[in-house]
């Protein structure tokens, strides 16, 4: 990602919506030495004083898709409250290993940080509440394309949840196994919906990137 403007889905006076590519870290301080989304936003908004450069939520490094960035502190606070109150609808698309059944379901498994490998999370009875709804989109040989609607937003939630039911996200090297022909996990934040402060419905979509559509075509 050499130019932030190439990944902008929408922009007005209050909001910037970005289609984050896989491989780009969102926040500084994650141990990464390369550029982050925060670096790009610091260049794009050099005079911004909004908390955390306006980034209202996050995606894992190798997850692509829609990210909301507030351009004012007031809008940032508004978005953070919507996320806290679970008033933002998120839609992900994932390819998971194996034949996922039943075709619709809810994974309700608390998760916590792994005490041995601090970069990972794991199912934990006394962990934080984590709820993921899903619906099978289509079956492929050895894998399943799934529409995912997380109700909570825990770190690595989707990846941990599907790994915990023996259907890890394809090419997820941390919770599953890497695969030939795909150098990032098959997980994409495709859509996000919410009501703005004026009560208008906002809906932003990021289509599957070419590396994922090409991989599907190869199956």
Protein backbone atom coordinates (compact mmCIF):
# COMPACT_ATOMS: atom_id res chain seq x y z
CA UNK A 1 0.00 0.00 0.00
CA UNK A 2 1.94 2.99 -1.26
CA UNK A 3 -0.90 5.49 -1.49
CA UNK A 4 -3.65 5.74 1.08
CA UNK A 5 -5.97 7.49 -1.36
CA UNK A 6 -6.10 4.36 -3.53
CA UNK A 7 -7.83 2.51 -0.69
CA UNK A 8 -10.38 5.18 0.28
CA UNK A 9 -13.99 4.01 -0.06
CA UNK A 10 -15.66 7.18 1.24
CA UNK A 11 -14.79 10.54 2.76
CA UNK A 12 -16.71 13.54 4.07
CA UNK A 13 -16.09 16.15 6.77
CA UNK A 14 -16.53 13.65 9.61
CA UNK A 15 -15.58 10.22 8.32
CA UNK A 16 -12.97 8.42 6.26
CA UNK A 17 -13.67 4.81 5.23
CA UNK A 18 -10.71 2.71 4.11
CA UNK A 19 -10.43 -0.70 2.48
CA UNK A 20 -7.36 -1.92 4.38
CA UNK A 21 -5.18 -4.33 2.41
CA UNK A 22 -3.81 -7.48 4.01
CA UNK A 23 -0.27 -7.08 5.33
CA UNK A 24 -0.83 -3.60 6.76
CA UNK A 25 -0.74 -3.23 10.56
CA UNK A 26 -3.36 -0.82 11.94
CA UNK A 27 -1.70 0.58 15.07
CA UNK A 28 1.86 1.43 16.00
CA UNK A 29 3.49 -0.36 18.90
CA UNK A 30 2.62 -3.87 17.76
CA UNK A 31 6.25 -4.87 17.33
CA UNK A 32 6.12 -4.30 13.59
CA UNK A 33 8.90 -2.35 11.91
CA UNK A 34 7.05 -1.59 8.67
CA UNK A 35 4.51 1.15 7.94
CA UNK A 36 1.17 1.12 9.71
CA UNK A 37 -2.24 2.58 8.95
CA UNK A 38 -1.49 5.19 11.62
CA UNK A 39 1.59 6.29 9.66
CA UNK A 40 -0.49 6.85 6.54
CA UNK A 41 -3.16 8.73 8.47
CA UNK A 42 -0.54 10.98 10.08
CA UNK A 43 0.53 11.95 6.57
CA UNK A 44 -3.02 12.25 5.24
CA UNK A 45 -4.18 14.36 8.22
CA UNK A 46 -0.97 16.11 9.35
CA UNK A 47 -2.88 18.57 11.58
CA UNK A 48 -5.32 16.10 13.12
CA UNK A 49 -5.58 16.01 16.90
CA UNK A 50 -8.15 13.19 17.02
CA UNK A 51 -7.38 10.38 19.46
CA UNK A 52 -5.56 7.40 17.88
CA UNK A 53 -5.62 9.24 14.55
CA UNK A 54 -9.38 8.63 14.47
CA UNK A 55 -9.15 4.85 14.06
CA UNK A 56 -12.33 3.61 15.72
CA UNK A 57 -11.62 -0.14 15.57
CA UNK A 58 -9.03 -2.53 14.16
CA UNK A 59 -8.40 -5.44 11.83
CA UNK A 60 -5.62 -8.01 12.14
CA UNK A 61 -2.56 -7.43 9.97
CA UNK A 62 -3.49 -10.11 7.44
CA UNK A 63 -7.23 -9.40 7.46
CA UNK A 64 -8.38 -6.98 4.76
CA UNK A 65 -11.49 -4.85 4.54
CA UNK A 66 -13.51 -1.93 5.85
CA UNK A 67 -12.12 0.32 8.59
CA UNK A 68 -13.82 3.47 9.91
CA UNK A 69 -11.69 6.53 10.69
CA UNK A 70 -13.20 9.57 12.40
CA UNK A 71 -11.99 12.99 11.27
CA UNK A 72 -13.21 14.81 14.38
CA UNK A 73 -12.97 13.91 18.06
CA UNK A 74 -16.75 14.20 18.38
CA UNK A 75 -17.31 11.65 15.62
CA UNK A 76 -14.61 9.39 17.06
CA UNK A 77 -16.37 9.39 20.43
CA UNK A 78 -19.67 8.67 18.69
CA UNK A 79 -18.26 5.69 16.77
CA UNK A 80 -16.54 4.27 19.86
CA UNK A 81 -19.85 4.39 21.73
CA UNK A 82 -21.62 2.60 18.86
CA UNK A 83 -19.01 -0.16 18.95
CA UNK A 84 -19.24 -0.42 22.73
CA UNK A 85 -23.03 -0.64 22.57
CA UNK A 86 -22.91 -3.17 19.69
CA UNK A 87 -24.81 -0.82 17.40
CA UNK A 88 -22.52 -1.39 14.43
CA UNK A 89 -23.24 -4.35 12.17
CA UNK A 90 -20.14 -6.06 10.78
CA UNK A 91 -20.08 -8.61 7.96
CA UNK A 92 -16.99 -10.69 7.20
CA UNK A 93 -16.32 -13.31 4.55
CA UNK A 94 -14.03 -16.24 5.35
CA UNK A 95 -12.99 -19.49 3.77
CA UNK A 96 -12.68 -22.11 6.51
CA UNK A 97 -11.23 -25.59 6.37
CA UNK A 98 -13.49 -28.60 6.00
CA UNK A 99 -17.24 -28.87 5.49
CA UNK A 100 -18.87 -26.57 8.03
CA UNK A 101 -22.17 -27.85 9.41
CA UNK A 102 -24.83 -26.84 10.28
CA UNK A 103 -25.16 -24.23 7.54
CA UNK A 104 -26.19 -21.52 10.03
CA UNK A 105 -25.16 -21.19 13.63
CA UNK A 106 -23.76 -19.21 16.52
CA UNK A 107 -20.41 -19.76 18.20
CA UNK A 108 -20.63 -18.53 21.78
CA UNK A 109 -17.27 -19.27 23.38
CA UNK A 110 -15.44 -16.85 25.73
CA UNK A 111 -11.84 -16.17 24.76
CA UNK A 112 -8.74 -14.94 26.58
CA UNK A 113 -5.10 -14.25 25.78
CA UNK A 114 -2.97 -17.40 25.73
CA UNK A 115 -0.75 -17.49 28.81
CA UNK A 116 2.09 -19.25 27.00
CA UNK A 117 2.06 -17.59 23.56
CA UNK A 118 1.06 -13.98 24.22
CA UNK A 119 0.44 -13.31 20.52
CA UNK A 120 -2.45 -15.80 20.53
CA UNK A 121 -5.89 -16.04 22.08
CA UNK A 122 -7.73 -19.19 23.14
CA UNK A 123 -11.13 -20.42 24.32
CA UNK A 124 -11.37 -19.83 28.08
CA UNK A 125 -14.30 -20.46 30.38
CA UNK A 126 -13.48 -17.33 32.36
CA UNK A 127 -12.49 -15.29 29.30
CA UNK A 128 -14.33 -12.35 27.77
CA UNK A 129 -17.70 -12.96 26.13
CA UNK A 130 -17.35 -13.60 22.39
CA UNK A 131 -20.27 -14.34 20.06
CA UNK A 132 -20.05 -15.05 16.33
CA UNK A 133 -23.01 -15.72 14.03
CA UNK A 134 -22.41 -17.35 10.66
CA UNK A 135 -24.13 -18.59 7.51
CA UNK A 136 -22.57 -20.89 4.92
CA UNK A 137 -22.33 -19.26 1.50
CA UNK A 138 -21.02 -22.20 -0.54
CA UNK A 139 -19.02 -25.40 -0.26
CA UNK A 140 -15.74 -26.12 -2.03
CA UNK A 141 -13.65 -29.30 -2.00
CA UNK A 142 -12.16 -29.40 1.49
CA UNK A 143 -13.38 -25.93 2.51
CA UNK A 144 -16.42 -23.74 3.11
CA UNK A 145 -17.08 -20.11 2.19
CA UNK A 146 -18.86 -18.44 5.11
CA UNK A 147 -20.61 -15.13 5.79
CA UNK A 148 -19.80 -14.11 9.35
CA UNK A 149 -21.58 -11.60 11.57
CA UNK A 150 -19.68 -11.10 14.84
CA UNK A 151 -21.80 -9.74 17.69
CA UNK A 152 -18.76 -8.92 19.81
CA UNK A 153 -15.38 -7.62 18.66
CA UNK A 154 -12.67 -9.46 20.55
CA UNK A 155 -9.13 -9.65 19.21
CA UNK A 156 -8.75 -12.65 16.86
CA UNK A 157 -12.35 -13.62 17.67
CA UNK A 158 -13.35 -15.09 14.30
CA UNK A 159 -10.06 -16.92 13.90
CA UNK A 160 -10.17 -18.42 17.41
CA UNK A 161 -13.83 -19.36 17.16
CA UNK A 162 -13.58 -21.28 13.91
CA UNK A 163 -10.34 -22.94 14.94
CA UNK A 164 -12.04 -24.02 18.18
CA UNK A 165 -14.72 -25.93 16.24
CA UNK A 166 -12.08 -27.58 14.01
CA UNK A 167 -12.68 -25.33 10.99
CA UNK A 168 -9.79 -22.84 11.08
CA UNK A 169 -9.65 -20.00 8.58
CA UNK A 170 -7.78 -21.13 5.47
CA UNK A 171 -4.10 -20.02 5.40
CA UNK A 172 -4.18 -18.79 9.01
CA UNK A 173 -0.70 -19.79 10.12
CA UNK A 174 -1.34 -18.88 13.76
CA UNK A 175 -4.50 -20.89 14.38
CA UNK A 176 -4.44 -23.29 11.45
CA UNK A 177 -1.94 -24.03 8.69
CA UNK A 178 -0.50 -22.07 5.82
CA UNK A 179 -1.46 -23.16 2.31
CA UNK A 180 0.22 -22.95 -1.06
CA UNK A 181 -1.08 -20.23 -3.34
CA UNK A 182 -2.26 -17.85 -0.60
CA UNK A 183 0.11 -15.70 1.45
CA UNK A 184 -2.52 -14.31 3.84
CA UNK A 185 -5.46 -15.68 5.81
CA UNK A 186 -8.76 -15.87 3.91
CA UNK A 187 -10.64 -13.38 6.08
CA UNK A 188 -12.11 -10.11 4.79
CA UNK A 189 -14.26 -7.44 6.46
CA UNK A 190 -16.65 -6.88 3.57
CA UNK A 191 -19.36 -4.64 5.02
CA UNK A 192 -20.13 -2.32 7.93
CA UNK A 193 -23.42 -0.60 8.78
CA UNK A 194 -24.52 1.95 11.37
CA UNK A 195 -26.70 5.00 11.93
CA UNK A 196 -24.91 8.35 11.89
CA UNK A 197 -25.65 11.09 14.47
CA UNK A 198 -28.40 12.46 12.20
CA UNK A 199 -30.13 9.07 12.14
CA UNK A 200 -29.17 8.30 8.53
CA UNK A 201 -28.23 4.72 7.64
CA UNK A 202 -24.61 4.33 6.54
CA UNK A 203 -23.49 1.21 4.69
CA UNK A 204 -19.97 0.69 3.36
CA UNK A 205 -18.79 -2.30 1.31
CA UNK A 206 -15.35 -3.55 0.30
CA UNK A 207 -15.37 -6.30 -2.32
CA UNK A 208 -13.15 -9.35 -1.93
CA UNK A 209 -9.59 -8.51 -3.04
CA UNK A 210 -8.20 -10.18 -6.13
CA UNK A 211 -5.89 -12.55 -4.24
CA UNK A 212 -8.94 -14.08 -2.53
CA UNK A 213 -11.17 -14.25 -5.61
CA UNK A 214 -8.29 -15.77 -7.57
CA UNK A 215 -7.79 -18.39 -4.87
CA UNK A 216 -11.49 -19.30 -4.94
CA UNK A 217 -11.34 -19.63 -8.71
CA UNK A 218 -8.46 -22.10 -8.34
CA UNK A 219 -10.43 -24.47 -6.10
